[in-house]
Amino acid sequence: MEINQETIAHLAKLSNFALSEEQSQSLEQDLQSIIQYISQLDELDTEGVEPTYQVFEMENIWRPDEILEQEADREELLGLTREVKDHQIKVPKVL
């Protein structure tokens, strides 16, 4: 994968970051170093090695679904927000 200023500009736009020219150049060098370091894994001989999906045994621990009493009531929680409409928290439109 080639990292250049065009790639950095695209990533910054997707991430909604504003980068200075200096930051952009530094980031390009850092990403190239990271990719070069990670690409060393391509040199490993993994012939006959089984894929590892988990390195230790894990087991789901299920608990009953319970509604517990809370210390704060609805009105106190609504009082912490900026705007309330019809006894609900009003948030900015996302889409």
C-alpha atoms as a PDB file:
ATOM      1  CA  MET A   1       0.000   0.000   0.000  1.00  0.00           C
ATOM      2  CA  GLU A   2       1.393   3.334  -1.025  1.00  0.00           C
ATOM      3  CA  ILE A   3       0.977   6.213   1.395  1.00  0.00           C
ATOM      4  CA  ASN A   4       1.244   9.660  -0.143  1.00  0.00           C
ATOM      5  CA  GLN A   5      -0.170  13.121   0.481  1.00  0.00           C
ATOM      6  CA  GLU A   6      -3.281  12.282  -1.545  1.00  0.00           C
ATOM      7  CA  THR A   7      -3.951   9.309   0.745  1.00  0.00           C
ATOM      8  CA  ILE A   8      -3.371  11.446   3.843  1.00  0.00           C
ATOM      9  CA  ALA A   9      -5.757  14.123   2.529  1.00  0.00           C
ATOM     10  CA  HIS A  10      -8.404  11.483   1.831  1.00  0.00           C
ATOM     11  CA  LEU A  11      -8.046   9.953   5.317  1.00  0.00           C
ATOM     12  CA  ALA A  12      -8.155  13.407   6.926  1.00  0.00           C
ATOM     13  CA  LYS A  13     -11.342  14.247   5.022  1.00  0.00           C
ATOM     14  CA  LEU A  14     -12.976  10.943   6.055  1.00  0.00           C
ATOM     15  CA  SER A  15     -11.940  11.551   9.673  1.00  0.00           C
ATOM     16  CA  ASN A  16     -12.994  15.203   9.563  1.00  0.00           C
ATOM     17  CA  PHE A  17      -9.475  16.283  10.596  1.00  0.00           C
ATOM     18  CA  ALA A  18      -7.815  19.538   9.644  1.00  0.00           C
ATOM     19  CA  LEU A  19      -4.096  18.898   9.206  1.00  0.00           C
ATOM     20  CA  SER A  20      -1.355  21.430   8.613  1.00  0.00           C
ATOM     21  CA  GLU A  21       1.236  20.707   5.920  1.00  0.00           C
ATOM     22  CA  GLU A  22       3.753  19.792   8.631  1.00  0.00           C
ATOM     23  CA  GLN A  23       1.329  17.410  10.354  1.00  0.00           C
ATOM     24  CA  SER A  24       0.392  15.851   7.035  1.00  0.00           C
ATOM     25  CA  GLN A  25       4.020  15.175   6.116  1.00  0.00           C
ATOM     26  CA  SER A  26       4.774  13.783   9.573  1.00  0.00           C
ATOM     27  CA  LEU A  27       1.723  11.536   9.392  1.00  0.00           C
ATOM     28  CA  GLU A  28       2.788  10.257   5.976  1.00  0.00           C
ATOM     29  CA  GLN A  29       6.189   9.239   7.349  1.00  0.00           C
ATOM     30  CA  ASP A  30       4.634   7.645  10.447  1.00  0.00           C
ATOM     31  CA  LEU A  31       2.129   5.621   8.437  1.00  0.00           C
ATOM     32  CA  GLN A  32       4.827   4.449   6.020  1.00  0.00           C
ATOM     33  CA  SER A  33       6.929   3.285   8.992  1.00  0.00           C
ATOM     34  CA  ILE A  34       3.962   1.478  10.559  1.00  0.00           C
ATOM     35  CA  ILE A  35       3.047  -0.291   7.309  1.00  0.00           C
ATOM     36  CA  GLN A  36       6.688  -1.253   6.707  1.00  0.00           C
ATOM     37  CA  TYR A  37       6.910  -2.695  10.226  1.00  0.00           C
ATOM     38  CA  ILE A  38       3.678  -4.652   9.872  1.00  0.00           C
ATOM     39  CA  SER A  39       4.665  -5.927   6.418  1.00  0.00           C
ATOM     40  CA  GLN A  40       7.456  -7.906   8.108  1.00  0.00           C
ATOM     41  CA  LEU A  41       4.714 -10.368   9.079  1.00  0.00           C
ATOM     42  CA  ASP A  42       4.427 -11.304   5.387  1.00  0.00           C
ATOM     43  CA  GLU A  43       7.898 -12.843   5.643  1.00  0.00           C
ATOM     44  CA  LEU A  44       6.855 -15.363   8.301  1.00  0.00           C
ATOM     45  CA  ASP A  45       6.476 -18.991   7.242  1.00  0.00           C
ATOM     46  CA  THR A  46       3.009 -19.964   8.446  1.00  0.00           C
ATOM     47  CA  GLU A  47       2.786 -23.204   6.476  1.00  0.00           C
ATOM     48  CA  GLY A  48       0.993 -25.817   8.571  1.00  0.00           C
ATOM     49  CA  VAL A  49       0.125 -23.400  11.380  1.00  0.00           C
ATOM     50  CA  GLU A  50      -3.504 -23.597  12.429  1.00  0.00           C
ATOM     51  CA  PRO A  51      -5.291 -20.230  12.660  1.00  0.00           C
ATOM     52  CA  THR A  52      -5.790 -19.048  16.234  1.00  0.00           C
ATOM     53  CA  TYR A  53      -9.152 -17.522  16.903  1.00  0.00           C
ATOM     54  CA  GLN A  54      -8.750 -17.249  20.677  1.00  0.00           C
ATOM     55  CA  VAL A  55      -5.604 -17.448  22.721  1.00  0.00           C
ATOM     56  CA  PHE A  56      -7.360 -18.506  25.915  1.00  0.00           C
ATOM     57  CA  GLU A  57     -10.578 -20.270  26.704  1.00  0.00           C
ATOM     58  CA  MET A  58     -13.539 -17.984  27.083  1.00  0.00           C
ATOM     59  CA  GLU A  59     -17.018 -18.811  28.169  1.00  0.00           C
ATOM     60  CA  ASN A  60     -20.117 -16.665  28.115  1.00  0.00           C
ATOM     61  CA  ILE A  61     -21.410 -15.942  31.580  1.00  0.00           C
ATOM     62  CA  TRP A  62     -25.128 -15.390  31.428  1.00  0.00           C
ATOM     63  CA  ARG A  63     -27.094 -13.607  34.097  1.00  0.00           C
ATOM     64  CA  PRO A  64     -30.790 -12.992  34.418  1.00  0.00           C
ATOM     65  CA  ASP A  65     -32.086  -9.777  32.919  1.00  0.00           C
ATOM     66  CA  GLU A  66     -33.325  -7.682  35.831  1.00  0.00           C
ATOM     67  CA  ILE A  67     -34.537  -4.117  36.182  1.00  0.00           C
ATOM     68  CA  LEU A  68     -32.843  -2.626  39.230  1.00  0.00           C
ATOM     69  CA  GLU A  69     -33.891   0.465  41.141  1.00  0.00           C
ATOM     70  CA  GLN A  70     -31.888   3.557  40.280  1.00  0.00           C
ATOM     71  CA  GLU A  71     -31.024   6.425  42.603  1.00  0.00           C
ATOM     72  CA  ALA A  72     -32.008   9.148  40.102  1.00  0.00           C
ATOM     73  CA  ASP A  73     -35.541   9.577  38.885  1.00  0.00           C
ATOM     74  CA  ARG A  74     -36.659  10.548  35.380  1.00  0.00           C
ATOM     75  CA  GLU A  75     -37.121  14.250  36.175  1.00  0.00           C
ATOM     76  CA  GLU A  76     -33.622  14.550  37.685  1.00  0.00           C
ATOM     77  CA  LEU A  77     -32.076  12.946  34.613  1.00  0.00           C
ATOM     78  CA  LEU A  78     -34.063  15.137  32.233  1.00  0.00           C
ATOM     79  CA  GLY A  79     -32.868  18.139  34.240  1.00  0.00           C
ATOM     80  CA  LEU A  80     -29.273  17.329  33.286  1.00  0.00           C
ATOM     81  CA  THR A  81     -29.840  17.761  29.550  1.00  0.00           C
ATOM     82  CA  ARG A  82     -29.850  20.938  27.468  1.00  0.00           C
ATOM     83  CA  GLU A  83     -33.204  20.527  25.788  1.00  0.00           C
ATOM     84  CA  VAL A  84     -36.299  18.488  26.637  1.00  0.00           C
ATOM     85  CA  LYS A  85     -39.372  17.972  24.459  1.00  0.00           C
ATOM     86  CA  ASP A  86     -42.417  15.915  25.499  1.00  0.00           C
ATOM     87  CA  HIS A  87     -40.548  14.524  28.535  1.00  0.00           C
ATOM     88  CA  GLN A  88     -37.727  13.215  26.295  1.00  0.00           C
ATOM     89  CA  ILE A  89     -34.178  14.378  25.635  1.00  0.00           C
ATOM     90  CA  LYS A  90     -33.994  16.313  22.387  1.00  0.00           C
ATOM     91  CA  VAL A  91     -30.801  15.676  20.420  1.00  0.00           C
ATOM     92  CA  PRO A  92     -29.489  17.128  17.147  1.00  0.00           C
ATOM     93  CA  LYS A  93     -30.639  15.491  13.933  1.00  0.00           C
ATOM     94  CA  VAL A  94     -27.965  13.049  12.727  1.00  0.00           C
ATOM     95  CA  LEU A  95     -28.987  12.372   9.146  1.00  0.00           C
END
